[in-house]
Protein backbone atom coordinates (compact mmCIF):
# COMPACT_ATOMS: atom_id res chain seq x y z
CA MET A 1 82.18 126.10 260.18
CA GLU A 2 82.76 126.24 256.39
CA LYS A 3 85.80 127.84 255.01
CA PRO A 4 85.35 130.95 252.76
CA SER A 5 86.67 129.16 249.72
CA ASP A 6 84.16 126.30 250.10
CA ALA A 7 81.28 128.79 250.33
CA THR A 8 82.41 130.54 247.18
CA ARG A 9 82.65 127.27 245.27
CA HIS A 10 79.18 126.31 246.46
CA ILE A 11 77.66 129.59 245.17
CA LEU A 12 79.40 129.25 241.81
CA TYR A 13 78.14 125.68 241.51
CA ARG A 14 74.55 126.76 242.08
CA PHE A 15 74.74 129.58 239.52
CA THR A 16 76.30 127.26 236.97
CA THR A 17 73.54 124.70 237.51
CA ILE A 18 70.81 127.33 237.12
CA PHE A 19 72.30 128.74 233.87
CA THR A 20 72.67 125.23 232.46
CA ILE A 21 68.99 124.48 233.11
CA ILE A 22 67.92 127.78 231.51
CA PHE A 23 70.04 127.07 228.43
CA ILE A 24 68.51 123.59 228.06
CA LEU A 25 64.99 125.01 228.33
CA ILE A 26 65.68 127.67 225.71
CA SER A 27 67.17 125.16 223.31
CA CYS A 28 64.05 123.02 223.58
CA GLU A 29 61.73 125.89 222.42
CA PRO A 30 60.59 125.57 218.77
CA PHE A 31 62.54 127.94 216.49
CA THR A 32 60.25 130.32 214.57
CA VAL A 33 61.42 132.34 211.60
CA THR A 34 59.53 135.59 211.07
CA PRO A 35 58.98 136.03 207.33
CA PRO A 36 60.09 139.34 205.84
CA PRO A 37 57.31 141.78 205.11
CA THR A 38 55.71 141.16 201.73
CA ALA A 39 55.30 143.76 199.02
CA ALA A 40 51.62 143.87 199.88
CA SER A 41 52.41 144.73 203.50
CA GLN A 42 55.01 147.32 202.51
CA ALA A 43 52.89 149.32 200.05
CA THR A 44 49.55 149.27 198.29
CA VAL A 45 49.83 147.82 194.78
CA THR A 46 48.80 150.37 192.11
CA PRO A 47 46.96 148.71 189.22
CA GLN A 48 48.52 149.29 185.81
CA VAL A 49 46.30 151.35 183.48
CA THR A 50 46.63 150.55 179.78
CA PRO A 51 47.06 153.82 177.85
CA LEU A 52 44.22 154.56 175.46
CA PRO A 53 45.23 154.46 171.79
CA PRO A 54 45.12 157.77 169.89
CA PRO A 55 42.21 158.40 167.50
CA ALA A 56 42.22 156.11 164.49
CA VAL A 57 42.83 157.54 161.02
CA PHE A 58 40.23 157.03 158.29
CA GLU A 59 41.42 154.93 155.35
CA SER A 60 39.84 155.44 151.92
CA ARG A 61 39.39 152.49 149.60
CA PHE A 62 39.77 154.80 146.61
CA LEU A 63 43.38 155.83 147.24
CA ASN A 64 46.28 154.38 145.31
CA PRO A 65 48.14 151.81 147.48
CA LEU A 66 51.17 154.12 147.64
CA ASP A 67 49.08 157.14 148.65
CA THR A 68 48.35 157.21 152.37
CA PRO A 69 46.51 159.72 154.58
CA HIS A 70 48.91 162.06 156.38
CA THR A 71 47.84 163.98 159.48
CA TYR A 72 49.37 167.24 160.64
CA ILE A 73 47.64 168.24 163.89
CA GLN A 74 50.19 167.16 166.50
CA ASP A 75 47.95 167.42 169.56
CA SER A 76 45.21 164.76 169.49
CA CYS A 77 43.22 166.72 172.06
CA VAL A 78 43.13 169.85 169.89
CA TYR A 79 42.20 167.69 166.90
CA LEU A 80 39.26 166.14 168.75
CA MET A 81 38.02 169.47 170.07
CA ASN A 82 38.00 170.90 166.55
CA ARG A 83 36.55 167.73 165.06
CA TRP A 84 33.52 167.59 167.34
CA ASN A 85 32.88 171.26 168.03
CA ARG A 86 29.34 171.85 166.78
CA ILE A 87 30.21 175.25 165.28
CA ASN A 88 32.88 173.69 163.04
CA ALA A 89 32.66 171.65 159.85
CA ALA A 90 30.76 168.40 160.21
CA PRO A 91 32.64 165.08 160.12
CA GLY A 92 32.99 163.89 156.55
CA THR A 93 33.37 167.38 155.08
CA VAL A 94 35.51 166.94 151.98
CA VAL A 95 37.27 169.31 149.57
CA MET A 96 38.02 168.60 145.93
CA ILE A 97 40.79 170.82 144.53
CA VAL A 98 40.39 171.33 140.78
CA THR A 99 42.71 173.14 138.36
CA PHE A 100 41.87 174.43 134.90
CA ASN A 101 44.36 175.01 132.11
CA GLU A 102 43.72 177.93 129.80
CA ASP A 103 44.19 175.95 126.61
CA ILE A 104 42.02 172.87 127.15
CA LEU A 105 38.44 173.11 128.40
CA TYR A 106 37.74 169.41 129.08
CA ASN A 107 33.94 169.65 129.13
CA PHE A 108 34.02 172.75 131.31
CA THR A 109 30.26 173.35 131.40
CA GLN A 110 29.57 169.70 132.21
CA ILE A 111 32.13 169.78 135.03
CA MET A 112 30.57 172.83 136.63
CA THR A 113 27.05 171.44 136.26
CA GLN A 114 27.98 168.05 137.72
CA LEU A 115 29.76 169.66 140.67
CA HIS A 116 26.66 171.69 141.44
CA ASP A 117 24.21 168.84 140.91
CA GLN A 118 26.16 166.58 143.27
CA GLY A 119 25.99 169.15 146.04
CA PHE A 120 29.42 170.79 145.80
CA LYS A 121 29.93 174.49 146.51
CA ALA A 122 33.00 176.57 145.64
CA ILE A 123 35.09 178.14 148.41
CA THR A 124 37.94 180.65 148.66
CA THR A 125 41.56 180.02 149.60
CA GLN A 126 41.01 181.57 153.03
CA GLN A 127 38.05 179.28 153.67
CA LEU A 128 40.17 176.27 152.74
CA LEU A 129 42.95 177.42 155.07
CA THR A 130 40.56 177.92 157.99
CA PHE A 131 39.07 174.48 157.38
CA MET A 132 42.41 172.70 157.11
CA GLU A 133 43.96 174.42 160.12
CA ARG A 134 41.08 174.27 162.63
CA ASN A 135 38.13 172.62 160.90
CA GLY A 136 36.35 175.91 160.27
CA ARG A 137 32.87 175.43 158.85
CA ILE A 138 32.58 175.14 155.07
CA PRO A 139 30.01 173.36 152.86
CA LYS A 140 29.89 169.59 153.43
CA ARG A 141 31.06 169.07 149.85
CA SER A 142 33.40 171.85 148.84
CA VAL A 143 35.43 172.51 145.73
CA LEU A 144 38.37 174.87 145.24
CA LEU A 145 38.44 176.01 141.61
CA ILE A 146 41.88 177.15 140.41
CA GLN A 147 42.49 178.79 137.06
CA GLU A 148 46.21 178.51 136.37
CA ASN A 149 48.36 181.36 135.03
CA SER A 150 47.65 185.03 134.43
CA HIS A 151 44.69 186.03 132.25
CA PRO A 152 42.93 189.16 131.05
CA ALA A 153 39.53 189.92 132.56
CA GLU A 154 37.80 188.74 129.39
CA ASP A 155 38.79 185.12 130.08
CA PHE A 156 37.36 185.17 133.60
CA ASN A 157 34.19 186.92 132.49
CA LYS A 158 33.59 184.46 129.68
CA ARG A 159 34.23 181.31 131.68
CA PHE A 160 33.50 181.93 135.36
CA ARG A 161 31.41 185.04 135.93
CA GLU A 162 28.05 183.38 135.31
CA TYR A 163 28.75 180.88 138.12
CA TRP A 164 29.53 183.75 140.46
CA ASP A 165 26.31 185.46 139.44
CA ILE A 166 24.00 182.44 139.83
CA TRP A 167 25.74 180.32 142.51
CA ASN A 168 28.10 182.78 144.17
CA TRP A 169 31.08 180.59 143.25
CA PRO A 170 34.50 182.30 143.47
CA ILE A 171 37.49 181.33 141.35
CA ILE A 172 41.13 181.20 142.48
CA ASN A 173 43.68 182.44 139.99
CA GLY A 174 47.26 181.20 140.05
CA TRP A 175 48.80 184.51 139.06
CA VAL A 176 52.25 184.53 137.47
CA SER A 177 53.76 187.92 138.38
CA ASP A 178 55.73 188.23 135.15
CA PRO A 179 57.33 191.69 134.78
CA GLY A 180 56.20 191.69 131.15
CA ILE A 181 52.47 191.59 131.90
CA PRO A 182 50.82 194.65 130.32
CA ASP A 183 49.52 197.25 132.76
CA ILE A 184 46.02 196.92 131.35
CA VAL A 185 45.91 193.24 132.35
CA TRP A 186 47.09 194.16 135.83
CA ARG A 187 44.41 196.84 136.12
CA GLU A 188 41.69 194.50 134.89
CA ASN A 189 42.64 191.88 137.46
CA ILE A 190 42.83 194.44 140.24
CA GLY A 191 39.23 195.27 139.37
CA LEU A 192 38.25 191.59 139.56
CA GLU A 193 40.00 191.28 142.93
CA ILE A 194 38.09 194.31 144.24
CA GLU A 195 34.80 192.81 143.04
CA GLY A 196 35.59 189.86 145.29
CA TRP A 197 34.98 186.86 143.07
CA VAL A 198 38.49 186.32 141.67
CA ASP A 199 40.91 185.34 144.44
CA HIS A 200 44.47 185.80 143.13
CA GLN A 201 47.19 183.60 144.64
CA ALA A 202 50.85 183.17 143.71
CA GLN A 203 52.18 180.96 140.93
CA GLY A 204 55.71 182.31 140.65
CA VAL A 205 57.23 185.09 138.57
CA ILE A 206 58.89 183.72 135.45
CA ALA A 207 56.75 181.37 133.35
CA GLY A 208 58.27 177.93 132.87
CA THR A 209 60.24 177.94 136.14
CA VAL A 210 60.05 174.67 138.08
CA LEU A 211 61.32 174.73 141.66
CA SER A 212 63.11 171.83 143.33
CA ASP A 213 65.76 171.17 145.95
CA ASP A 214 68.33 171.78 143.21
CA SER A 215 67.07 175.32 142.60
CA SER A 216 69.38 178.09 143.73
CA LYS A 217 68.47 180.46 146.56
CA VAL A 218 68.23 183.25 144.00
CA VAL A 219 65.65 181.39 141.91
CA ILE A 220 63.61 180.28 144.92
CA SER A 221 63.58 183.82 146.29
CA ARG A 222 62.67 185.28 142.90
CA GLU A 223 59.67 183.01 142.48
CA LEU A 224 58.37 183.20 146.06
CA LYS A 225 59.35 186.61 147.37
CA GLY A 226 58.95 188.13 143.93
CA SER A 227 55.30 187.10 143.98
CA ILE A 228 54.80 188.62 147.43
CA ASP A 229 56.32 191.92 146.34
CA ALA A 230 54.20 192.06 143.20
CA PHE A 231 51.00 191.26 145.11
CA ALA A 232 51.75 193.94 147.70
CA ASN A 233 52.32 196.53 145.00
CA ARG A 234 49.37 195.61 142.80
CA TYR A 235 46.73 193.76 144.82
CA ALA A 236 47.53 195.31 148.21
CA LYS A 237 47.57 191.88 149.84
CA ASN A 238 49.92 189.03 150.61
CA PRO A 239 49.25 185.70 148.89
CA ILE A 240 48.59 182.90 151.38
CA ALA A 241 48.99 180.09 148.83
CA ILE A 242 51.52 179.08 146.24
CA ILE A 243 50.44 177.04 143.23
CA TRP A 244 53.82 175.41 142.70
CA PRO A 245 54.99 176.53 139.23
CA GLY A 246 55.04 173.56 136.90
CA GLY A 247 54.12 171.36 139.86
CA GLY A 248 57.71 171.41 141.12
CA PHE A 249 58.55 171.63 144.80
CA GLY A 250 61.03 170.33 147.36
CA GLN A 251 62.10 170.57 150.98
CA ARG A 252 64.00 173.82 150.46
CA PRO A 253 61.28 175.60 148.47
CA VAL A 254 58.66 174.55 151.03
CA GLN A 255 60.77 175.79 153.94
CA ALA A 256 61.42 179.07 152.14
CA ALA A 257 57.71 179.48 151.42
CA ARG A 258 56.86 178.94 155.08
CA GLN A 259 59.43 181.49 156.16
CA LEU A 260 57.92 184.02 153.77
CA GLY A 261 54.42 183.51 155.13
CA TYR A 262 52.80 181.12 152.66
CA GLN A 263 50.35 178.81 154.41
CA LEU A 264 49.13 176.54 151.61
CA GLY A 265 50.82 174.95 148.61
CA PHE A 266 49.34 173.03 145.68
CA THR A 267 51.30 170.41 143.75
CA SER A 268 50.23 168.83 140.47
CA ASN A 269 49.98 165.38 142.07
CA VAL A 270 46.62 163.63 141.72
CA ARG A 271 46.07 161.68 144.92
CA GLY A 272 42.54 162.40 146.11
CA PRO A 273 40.45 164.92 148.01
CA VAL A 274 41.45 166.48 151.33
CA MET A 275 39.74 166.69 154.71
CA TYR A 276 40.55 168.22 158.06
CA ASN A 277 43.81 166.68 159.32
CA TRP A 278 43.73 164.28 156.37
CA VAL A 279 45.84 164.72 153.22
CA PRO A 280 46.74 161.79 150.91
CA LEU A 281 50.46 161.85 150.09
CA ALA A 282 53.13 159.40 148.94
CA ASN A 283 56.32 158.54 150.79
CA GLU A 284 58.08 156.90 147.87
CA PHE A 285 58.41 157.21 144.11
CA ASP A 286 55.83 155.37 142.03
CA PRO A 287 57.19 154.11 138.68
CA GLU A 288 53.61 153.78 137.44
CA ARG A 289 53.15 157.55 137.93
CA PRO A 290 56.55 159.04 137.11
CA THR A 291 55.25 162.63 137.06
CA HIS A 292 54.06 162.38 140.68
CA LEU A 293 56.81 163.56 143.02
CA PRO A 294 56.76 161.97 146.50
CA GLU A 295 55.98 164.63 149.08
CA GLY A 296 55.52 162.73 152.35
CA TYR A 297 59.17 163.19 153.35
CA ILE A 298 58.69 166.96 153.49
CA ASN A 299 56.34 166.47 156.43
CA ASP A 300 54.23 169.52 155.64
CA PRO A 301 50.93 168.32 154.13
CA LEU A 302 49.39 171.79 153.92
CA MET A 303 52.20 172.93 151.63
CA THR A 304 51.94 169.88 149.35
CA LEU A 305 48.21 169.53 148.73
CA PRO A 306 47.09 167.34 145.81
CA ARG A 307 44.76 168.54 143.09
CA TYR A 308 42.70 167.18 140.21
CA PRO A 309 43.22 168.38 136.64
CA ALA A 310 39.97 169.24 134.88
CA SER A 311 40.39 166.16 132.66
CA GLN A 312 39.87 163.82 135.65
CA VAL A 313 37.10 165.60 137.52
CA LEU A 314 34.08 163.83 136.03
CA ASP A 315 35.57 160.38 136.66
CA ALA A 316 36.53 161.26 140.23
CA LEU A 317 33.36 163.02 141.39
CA ASP A 318 31.57 159.93 142.69
CA GLN A 319 34.67 158.74 144.53
CA VAL A 320 35.11 162.10 146.24
CA ARG A 321 31.47 162.20 147.28
CA VAL A 322 31.55 158.62 148.62
CA THR A 323 34.84 159.30 150.42
CA GLY A 324 33.13 162.07 152.36
CA ASN A 325 30.17 159.84 153.19
CA GLU A 326 32.38 156.99 154.37
CA ALA A 327 34.54 159.36 156.42
CA GLU A 328 31.40 160.62 158.16
CA GLU A 329 30.28 157.05 158.89
CA PHE A 330 33.75 156.25 160.24
CA ALA A 331 33.60 159.29 162.52
CA ARG A 332 30.18 158.37 163.92
CA LYS A 333 31.29 154.79 164.50
CA ASN A 334 34.34 155.96 166.45
CA GLN A 335 32.67 158.86 168.26
CA ASP A 336 32.25 157.07 171.59
CA MET A 337 35.88 155.93 171.63
CA GLU A 338 37.11 159.39 170.71
CA PHE A 339 35.01 160.99 173.44
CA LYS A 340 36.34 158.43 175.93
CA TYR A 341 39.89 159.25 174.87
CA TYR A 342 39.20 162.94 175.30
CA GLU A 343 37.58 162.44 178.70
CA THR A 344 40.52 160.38 179.97
CA VAL A 345 43.50 162.09 178.36
CA CYS A 346 42.40 165.61 177.45
CA GLU A 347 39.71 166.79 179.84
CA PRO A 348 42.09 167.23 182.80
CA ILE A 349 44.09 169.67 180.64
CA TYR A 350 41.59 171.30 178.28
CA GLY A 351 38.31 170.95 180.14
CA PRO A 352 35.10 169.30 178.89
CA MET A 353 34.60 168.49 175.23
CA PRO A 354 32.56 171.14 173.39
CA THR A 355 28.96 169.96 173.16
CA PRO A 356 28.50 167.98 169.91
């Protein structure tokens, strides 16, 4: 008969032997490393979509190298809706802004005849504003005719009335609200305003004043607010445009004009015609044209619009006409891309593009 201690040792021996065999068997199994889950197994890869570029800006071959097109509609979607809406102005619609001086005629009759023969039609300041702000419909080739400075009715009747009578062409008058203007001249011009063919807009108060960033608040207020007060008292309207007196302007005068409600401003810079969301301006001084003040830094194209003096109209007419034609061709060439941009970027927010 075995002793208890021998039996215990025997059992421990057997268990030890069994565990040793199991350990050897486990150690002989091939060791497999389970790879960590890949990115593909963790999540579905989202393809990267390249953002569509914004609509391209038309470049005119007729502009001076330092004069570049400046846009002012911040929302590309709104721009495209207005651009292609069939009730608005057609692509390539162009406006030539022309100013006349009272002392020099510069082939006035020939200018008016050539404008008409080349398909231009005169528009009012309000029509220009509607076009520039939202592409409101105007003639494909439009001209804004500005007679600078205050005049008696006789001057308007002698020079411009016949074009109103035969072509329905209005004239814009840059009215200087000088306190010394005789009452009879005021009354005559009120009559012209009521007739509807002379559209008076502001050109300051004191003749010879030139505004700039160095002008005092008093002078800026006198020229801008003084015009508004005079118009309210005499013409029973607020001017929407300022023909910058002497061609002078600056950041401070422009800001003051905006605060007072002016919506358009005309410099004396000759840079080219204007189109919807397209105004040629300069960002730097040009020593070759020392009288042209750079206006790009102001960042308000509608308040620094360029214009042509009468002396340069005949030479520029063909360029303006061709600019409009080439802008239309550019628009048609880019139409598919612009519609694709609108469909991708704008339609989820604004809905379908208005039918072209």
